[in-house]
Amino acid sequence: DPTSLAGSIGNFTATTIDQAGKALPIARWSYQGSVAYTVPLGGYALEAAGDYAFRDKLPSFLGATYDLDKRWIANATLTLRPEQGNWSIGLYGRNIFNEKYDLVRNYFLPNAKVAQPGRPATYGVQLGYHF
């Protein structure tokens, strides 16, 4: 109801903006999944695990300049642990296909486009001890 907010108080005026026919600022599709498999290796266990997340294009009600592109992010982990013990050692990869994406876009001033990029591909070693 466009008339519900019409009016003014002092120096402030309230109005509504008709957004009829425009896409909602939410992704149409978003899903994720994970898989893990453990192989016994003579007193040890080797676990391979992976997960992924997909998010469709995220439209912005501010216009196409602010839209975020769709993205696929995949992660993987390979962990070795003894069957009788509290420690583990593993290799991991985050964003293993080095997907380039923005988390958010904010353009405060003309020609001052600022975006927060997502993390690039990272790889490492993880050590664990379970008390």
N, C-alpha and C. Protein backbone atom coordinates (compact mmCIF):
# COMPACT_ATOMS: atom_id res chain seq x y z
N ASP A 1 0.85 -1.19 0.00
CA ASP A 1 0.00 0.00 0.00
C ASP A 1 0.88 1.24 0.00
N PRO A 2 1.07 1.88 -1.13
CA PRO A 2 1.96 3.04 -1.23
C PRO A 2 1.54 4.21 -0.36
N THR A 3 0.30 4.28 0.05
CA THR A 3 -0.12 5.43 0.87
C THR A 3 0.13 5.22 2.34
N SER A 4 0.55 4.00 2.75
CA SER A 4 0.68 3.71 4.17
C SER A 4 1.80 4.50 4.84
N LEU A 5 2.84 4.87 4.10
CA LEU A 5 3.96 5.60 4.70
C LEU A 5 4.04 7.05 4.23
N ALA A 6 3.11 7.47 3.41
CA ALA A 6 3.17 8.83 2.89
C ALA A 6 2.93 9.82 4.03
N GLY A 7 3.68 10.88 4.06
CA GLY A 7 3.53 11.91 5.09
C GLY A 7 4.86 12.52 5.42
N SER A 8 4.84 13.48 6.30
CA SER A 8 6.09 14.12 6.70
C SER A 8 6.01 14.54 8.15
N ILE A 9 7.18 14.55 8.79
CA ILE A 9 7.33 14.99 10.17
C ILE A 9 8.52 15.93 10.20
N GLY A 10 8.32 17.18 10.50
CA GLY A 10 9.41 18.14 10.52
C GLY A 10 10.10 18.21 9.18
N ASN A 11 11.42 17.94 9.17
CA ASN A 11 12.21 17.98 7.95
C ASN A 11 12.26 16.64 7.21
N PHE A 12 11.59 15.62 7.73
CA PHE A 12 11.65 14.29 7.16
C PHE A 12 10.38 13.96 6.41
N THR A 13 10.52 13.34 5.25
CA THR A 13 9.37 12.92 4.46
C THR A 13 9.49 11.43 4.18
N ALA A 14 8.42 10.69 4.44
CA ALA A 14 8.40 9.25 4.20
C ALA A 14 7.64 8.98 2.91
N THR A 15 8.22 8.14 2.06
CA THR A 15 7.55 7.71 0.84
C THR A 15 7.88 6.24 0.61
N THR A 16 7.23 5.63 -0.31
CA THR A 16 7.53 4.25 -0.68
C THR A 16 8.05 4.22 -2.10
N ILE A 17 8.74 3.16 -2.43
CA ILE A 17 9.26 2.95 -3.78
C ILE A 17 8.59 1.69 -4.32
N ASP A 18 8.00 1.77 -5.46
CA ASP A 18 7.32 0.63 -6.07
C ASP A 18 8.36 -0.31 -6.68
N GLN A 19 8.48 -1.51 -6.13
CA GLN A 19 9.42 -2.52 -6.61
C GLN A 19 8.70 -3.64 -7.35
N ALA A 20 7.46 -3.41 -7.74
CA ALA A 20 6.66 -4.44 -8.42
C ALA A 20 7.37 -4.91 -9.69
N GLY A 21 7.41 -6.22 -9.88
CA GLY A 21 8.00 -6.80 -11.08
C GLY A 21 9.50 -7.00 -11.00
N LYS A 22 10.15 -6.51 -9.95
CA LYS A 22 11.60 -6.70 -9.82
C LYS A 22 11.88 -7.96 -9.01
N ALA A 23 13.00 -8.57 -9.30
CA ALA A 23 13.39 -9.79 -8.59
C ALA A 23 13.69 -9.49 -7.13
N LEU A 24 13.33 -10.43 -6.25
CA LEU A 24 13.69 -10.28 -4.85
C LEU A 24 15.21 -10.38 -4.72
N PRO A 25 15.81 -9.67 -3.79
CA PRO A 25 17.28 -9.72 -3.66
C PRO A 25 17.76 -10.96 -2.90
N ILE A 26 17.37 -12.13 -3.42
CA ILE A 26 17.83 -13.39 -2.86
C ILE A 26 18.24 -14.30 -4.02
N ALA A 27 19.14 -15.21 -3.75
CA ALA A 27 19.58 -16.16 -4.77
C ALA A 27 18.45 -17.14 -5.06
N ARG A 28 18.27 -17.46 -6.34
CA ARG A 28 17.20 -18.38 -6.73
C ARG A 28 17.53 -19.80 -6.25
N TRP A 29 18.80 -20.21 -6.35
CA TRP A 29 19.23 -21.53 -5.92
C TRP A 29 20.43 -21.42 -4.99
N SER A 30 20.43 -22.27 -3.99
CA SER A 30 21.56 -22.35 -3.07
C SER A 30 21.56 -23.76 -2.48
N TYR A 31 22.67 -24.45 -2.61
CA TYR A 31 22.75 -25.79 -2.04
C TYR A 31 24.20 -26.14 -1.75
N GLN A 32 24.36 -27.14 -0.90
CA GLN A 32 25.70 -27.58 -0.51
C GLN A 32 25.64 -29.07 -0.17
N GLY A 33 26.80 -29.67 -0.09
CA GLY A 33 26.87 -31.08 0.23
C GLY A 33 28.27 -31.45 0.69
N SER A 34 28.38 -32.63 1.23
CA SER A 34 29.69 -33.10 1.67
C SER A 34 29.73 -34.63 1.55
N VAL A 35 30.93 -35.14 1.47
CA VAL A 35 31.15 -36.58 1.40
C VAL A 35 32.46 -36.89 2.13
N ALA A 36 32.50 -38.03 2.79
CA ALA A 36 33.72 -38.46 3.48
C ALA A 36 33.82 -39.99 3.36
N TYR A 37 35.04 -40.48 3.24
CA TYR A 37 35.28 -41.91 3.15
C TYR A 37 36.54 -42.23 3.93
N THR A 38 36.46 -43.26 4.77
CA THR A 38 37.61 -43.66 5.61
C THR A 38 38.09 -45.04 5.19
N VAL A 39 39.41 -45.16 5.02
CA VAL A 39 40.04 -46.42 4.63
C VAL A 39 40.96 -46.86 5.76
N PRO A 40 40.82 -48.10 6.27
CA PRO A 40 41.76 -48.60 7.28
C PRO A 40 43.10 -48.94 6.62
N LEU A 41 44.17 -48.54 7.29
CA LEU A 41 45.52 -48.80 6.77
C LEU A 41 46.40 -49.38 7.87
N GLY A 42 46.20 -50.64 8.24
CA GLY A 42 47.03 -51.32 9.23
C GLY A 42 47.30 -50.52 10.49
N GLY A 43 46.31 -50.32 11.33
CA GLY A 43 46.48 -49.58 12.58
C GLY A 43 46.21 -48.08 12.45
N TYR A 44 45.98 -47.63 11.26
CA TYR A 44 45.66 -46.22 11.01
C TYR A 44 44.36 -46.12 10.21
N ALA A 45 43.84 -44.94 10.17
CA ALA A 45 42.67 -44.67 9.35
C ALA A 45 42.98 -43.43 8.50
N LEU A 46 42.72 -43.53 7.22
CA LEU A 46 42.91 -42.41 6.30
C LEU A 46 41.54 -41.95 5.83
N GLU A 47 41.22 -40.70 6.13
CA GLU A 47 39.92 -40.16 5.75
C GLU A 47 40.07 -39.11 4.67
N ALA A 48 39.33 -39.30 3.60
CA ALA A 48 39.26 -38.30 2.53
C ALA A 48 37.88 -37.66 2.63
N ALA A 49 37.84 -36.35 2.67
CA ALA A 49 36.56 -35.64 2.80
C ALA A 49 36.54 -34.45 1.85
N GLY A 50 35.36 -34.14 1.39
CA GLY A 50 35.19 -32.98 0.52
C GLY A 50 33.82 -32.36 0.74
N ASP A 51 33.72 -31.08 0.48
CA ASP A 51 32.43 -30.42 0.55
C ASP A 51 32.38 -29.32 -0.51
N TYR A 52 31.17 -28.93 -0.84
CA TYR A 52 30.99 -27.91 -1.86
C TYR A 52 29.79 -27.05 -1.49
N ALA A 53 29.75 -25.87 -2.03
CA ALA A 53 28.60 -24.98 -1.85
C ALA A 53 28.38 -24.22 -3.16
N PHE A 54 27.15 -24.13 -3.56
CA PHE A 54 26.76 -23.37 -4.74
C PHE A 54 25.76 -22.31 -4.32
N ARG A 55 25.94 -21.12 -4.84
CA ARG A 55 24.94 -20.07 -4.68
C ARG A 55 24.73 -19.40 -6.01
N ASP A 56 23.49 -19.34 -6.44
CA ASP A 56 23.12 -18.71 -7.70
C ASP A 56 23.35 -17.20 -7.62
N LYS A 57 23.21 -16.54 -8.75
CA LYS A 57 23.37 -15.09 -8.81
C LYS A 57 22.51 -14.43 -7.74
N LEU A 58 23.08 -13.47 -7.04
CA LEU A 58 22.39 -12.75 -5.97
C LEU A 58 22.09 -11.34 -6.47
N PRO A 59 20.84 -11.10 -6.90
CA PRO A 59 20.52 -9.76 -7.41
C PRO A 59 20.42 -8.76 -6.27
N SER A 60 20.65 -7.51 -6.60
CA SER A 60 20.54 -6.43 -5.62
C SER A 60 19.41 -5.50 -6.03
N PHE A 61 18.68 -5.03 -5.05
CA PHE A 61 17.61 -4.09 -5.37
C PHE A 61 18.18 -2.72 -5.74
N LEU A 62 19.49 -2.53 -5.59
CA LEU A 62 20.14 -1.27 -5.94
C LEU A 62 20.54 -1.20 -7.41
N GLY A 63 20.47 -2.32 -8.11
CA GLY A 63 20.81 -2.33 -9.53
C GLY A 63 21.84 -3.39 -9.85
N ALA A 64 22.02 -3.63 -11.16
CA ALA A 64 22.89 -4.70 -11.64
C ALA A 64 24.35 -4.53 -11.22
N THR A 65 24.80 -3.31 -11.02
CA THR A 65 26.19 -3.07 -10.60
C THR A 65 26.49 -3.76 -9.27
N TYR A 66 25.48 -3.92 -8.43
CA TYR A 66 25.65 -4.49 -7.10
C TYR A 66 25.39 -6.00 -7.05
N ASP A 67 24.91 -6.57 -8.15
CA ASP A 67 24.63 -8.01 -8.20
C ASP A 67 25.90 -8.81 -7.95
N LEU A 68 25.75 -9.95 -7.27
CA LEU A 68 26.87 -10.87 -7.06
C LEU A 68 26.67 -12.08 -7.96
N ASP A 69 27.72 -12.46 -8.68
CA ASP A 69 27.66 -13.58 -9.61
C ASP A 69 27.49 -14.90 -8.86
N LYS A 70 27.02 -15.93 -9.58
CA LYS A 70 26.92 -17.25 -8.99
C LYS A 70 28.32 -17.77 -8.69
N ARG A 71 28.39 -18.73 -7.76
CA ARG A 71 29.71 -19.26 -7.39
C ARG A 71 29.61 -20.70 -6.89
N TRP A 72 30.68 -21.44 -7.19
CA TRP A 72 30.90 -22.79 -6.67
C TRP A 72 32.16 -22.74 -5.82
N ILE A 73 32.08 -23.21 -4.60
CA ILE A 73 33.25 -23.28 -3.73
C ILE A 73 33.42 -24.74 -3.31
N ALA A 74 34.61 -25.29 -3.49
CA ALA A 74 34.89 -26.68 -3.11
C ALA A 74 36.08 -26.72 -2.16
N ASN A 75 35.99 -27.59 -1.17
CA ASN A 75 37.05 -27.79 -0.18
C ASN A 75 37.36 -29.28 -0.08
N ALA A 76 38.58 -29.62 0.32
CA ALA A 76 38.96 -31.02 0.47
C ALA A 76 39.92 -31.18 1.64
N THR A 77 39.85 -32.35 2.29
CA THR A 77 40.73 -32.65 3.42
C THR A 77 41.14 -34.12 3.34
N LEU A 78 42.39 -34.39 3.65
CA LEU A 78 42.91 -35.75 3.75
C LEU A 78 43.55 -35.87 5.12
N THR A 79 43.02 -36.77 5.98
CA THR A 79 43.47 -36.85 7.37
C THR A 79 43.90 -38.27 7.71
N LEU A 80 45.05 -38.40 8.39
CA LEU A 80 45.56 -39.67 8.86
C LEU A 80 45.54 -39.66 10.38
N ARG A 81 44.96 -40.72 10.98
CA ARG A 81 44.95 -40.83 12.45
C ARG A 81 45.12 -42.30 12.83
N PRO A 82 45.77 -42.56 13.95
CA PRO A 82 45.89 -43.95 14.40
C PRO A 82 44.54 -44.43 14.92
N GLU A 83 44.29 -45.75 14.78
CA GLU A 83 43.03 -46.29 15.30
C GLU A 83 43.02 -46.23 16.82
N GLN A 84 44.17 -46.37 17.44
CA GLN A 84 44.30 -46.26 18.90
C GLN A 84 45.20 -45.07 19.21
N GLY A 85 44.65 -43.90 19.34
CA GLY A 85 45.47 -42.72 19.62
C GLY A 85 44.64 -41.46 19.53
N ASN A 86 45.23 -40.38 19.97
CA ASN A 86 44.50 -39.11 20.04
C ASN A 86 44.96 -38.07 19.04
N TRP A 87 45.93 -38.36 18.22
CA TRP A 87 46.46 -37.34 17.33
C TRP A 87 45.99 -37.57 15.89
N SER A 88 46.16 -36.56 15.09
CA SER A 88 45.87 -36.67 13.66
C SER A 88 46.73 -35.66 12.90
N ILE A 89 46.96 -35.96 11.65
CA ILE A 89 47.68 -35.04 10.77
C ILE A 89 46.95 -35.06 9.42
N GLY A 90 46.87 -33.90 8.80
CA GLY A 90 46.13 -33.86 7.55
C GLY A 90 46.57 -32.75 6.62
N LEU A 91 46.11 -32.85 5.41
CA LEU A 91 46.31 -31.83 4.39
C LEU A 91 44.93 -31.27 4.05
N TYR A 92 44.84 -29.97 3.80
CA TYR A 92 43.55 -29.40 3.44
C TYR A 92 43.69 -28.40 2.30
N GLY A 93 42.62 -28.21 1.62
CA GLY A 93 42.53 -27.20 0.57
C GLY A 93 41.17 -26.52 0.68
N ARG A 94 41.17 -25.21 0.66
CA ARG A 94 39.93 -24.43 0.70
C ARG A 94 39.81 -23.66 -0.61
N ASN A 95 38.62 -23.64 -1.17
CA ASN A 95 38.40 -23.02 -2.48
C ASN A 95 39.41 -23.58 -3.48
N ILE A 96 39.45 -24.89 -3.59
CA ILE A 96 40.52 -25.57 -4.32
C ILE A 96 40.56 -25.26 -5.81
N PHE A 97 39.47 -24.76 -6.38
CA PHE A 97 39.47 -24.39 -7.80
C PHE A 97 39.70 -22.89 -7.98
N ASN A 98 40.05 -22.22 -6.90
CA ASN A 98 40.38 -20.79 -6.89
C ASN A 98 39.29 -19.93 -7.55
N GLU A 99 38.05 -20.18 -7.15
CA GLU A 99 36.91 -19.40 -7.64
C GLU A 99 37.06 -17.94 -7.21
N LYS A 100 36.93 -17.04 -8.15
CA LYS A 100 37.01 -15.61 -7.85
C LYS A 100 35.58 -15.10 -7.65
N TYR A 101 35.31 -14.52 -6.48
CA TYR A 101 33.96 -14.05 -6.17
C TYR A 101 34.02 -12.93 -5.13
N ASP A 102 32.97 -12.16 -5.09
CA ASP A 102 32.84 -11.10 -4.08
C ASP A 102 31.81 -11.53 -3.05
N LEU A 103 32.07 -11.21 -1.80
CA LEU A 103 31.11 -11.47 -0.73
C LEU A 103 30.05 -10.37 -0.68
N VAL A 104 30.48 -9.15 -0.95
CA VAL A 104 29.57 -8.00 -0.91
C VAL A 104 30.15 -6.91 -1.80
N ARG A 105 29.28 -6.06 -2.31
CA ARG A 105 29.71 -4.91 -3.11
C ARG A 105 29.05 -3.67 -2.55
N ASN A 106 29.86 -2.67 -2.30
CA ASN A 106 29.37 -1.39 -1.78
C ASN A 106 30.02 -0.28 -2.58
N TYR A 107 29.22 0.55 -3.17
CA TYR A 107 29.73 1.67 -3.96
C TYR A 107 29.19 2.94 -3.34
N PHE A 108 29.97 3.51 -2.44
CA PHE A 108 29.52 4.65 -1.66
C PHE A 108 29.59 5.97 -2.44
N LEU A 109 30.58 6.10 -3.28
CA LEU A 109 30.78 7.32 -4.03
C LEU A 109 30.87 6.98 -5.51
N PRO A 110 30.52 7.91 -6.38
CA PRO A 110 30.71 7.63 -7.81
C PRO A 110 32.19 7.31 -8.09
N ASN A 111 32.41 6.29 -8.92
CA ASN A 111 33.75 5.87 -9.31
C ASN A 111 34.59 5.37 -8.14
N ALA A 112 33.98 5.04 -7.02
CA ALA A 112 34.70 4.46 -5.87
C ALA A 112 34.06 3.11 -5.57
N LYS A 113 34.31 2.16 -6.44
CA LYS A 113 33.70 0.83 -6.31
C LYS A 113 34.53 -0.01 -5.35
N VAL A 114 33.90 -0.47 -4.28
CA VAL A 114 34.58 -1.25 -3.26
C VAL A 114 33.84 -2.57 -3.10
N ALA A 115 34.56 -3.66 -3.12
CA ALA A 115 33.98 -4.98 -2.92
C ALA A 115 34.85 -5.77 -1.96
N GLN A 116 34.23 -6.65 -1.20
CA GLN A 116 35.00 -7.54 -0.33
C GLN A 116 35.14 -8.87 -1.04
N PRO A 117 36.35 -9.19 -1.48
CA PRO A 117 36.52 -10.45 -2.22
C PRO A 117 36.46 -11.66 -1.30
N GLY A 118 36.05 -12.79 -1.88
CA GLY A 118 36.09 -14.04 -1.14
C GLY A 118 37.53 -14.53 -1.05
N ARG A 119 37.76 -15.47 -0.19
CA ARG A 119 39.12 -15.99 0.00
C ARG A 119 39.61 -16.74 -1.24
N PRO A 120 40.86 -16.54 -1.60
CA PRO A 120 41.42 -17.30 -2.72
C PRO A 120 41.71 -18.74 -2.26
N ALA A 121 42.20 -19.54 -3.18
CA ALA A 121 42.57 -20.92 -2.84
C ALA A 121 43.65 -20.90 -1.76
N THR A 122 43.48 -21.73 -0.75
CA THR A 122 44.48 -21.88 0.30
C THR A 122 44.69 -23.36 0.58
N TYR A 123 45.92 -23.70 0.90
CA TYR A 123 46.29 -25.08 1.18
C TYR A 123 47.15 -25.11 2.42
N GLY A 124 47.10 -26.20 3.16
CA GLY A 124 47.91 -26.26 4.36
C GLY A 124 47.93 -27.63 5.00
N VAL A 125 48.60 -27.67 6.13
CA VAL A 125 48.74 -28.88 6.94
C VAL A 125 48.06 -28.61 8.27
N GLN A 126 47.32 -29.58 8.74
CA GLN A 126 46.68 -29.43 10.06
C GLN A 126 47.10 -30.56 10.98
N LEU A 127 47.39 -30.20 12.20
CA LEU A 127 47.73 -31.17 13.24
C LEU A 127 46.64 -31.13 14.28
N GLY A 128 46.27 -32.28 14.81
CA GLY A 128 45.22 -32.32 15.82
C GLY A 128 45.57 -33.24 16.95
N TYR A 129 45.05 -32.89 18.12
CA TYR A 129 45.18 -33.76 19.30
C TYR A 129 43.85 -33.70 20.04
N HIS A 130 43.28 -34.85 20.29
CA HIS A 130 41.97 -34.94 20.95
C HIS A 130 42.18 -35.37 22.40
N PHE A 131 41.73 -34.54 23.31
CA PHE A 131 41.89 -34.83 24.75
C PHE A 131 40.85 -35.80 25.23
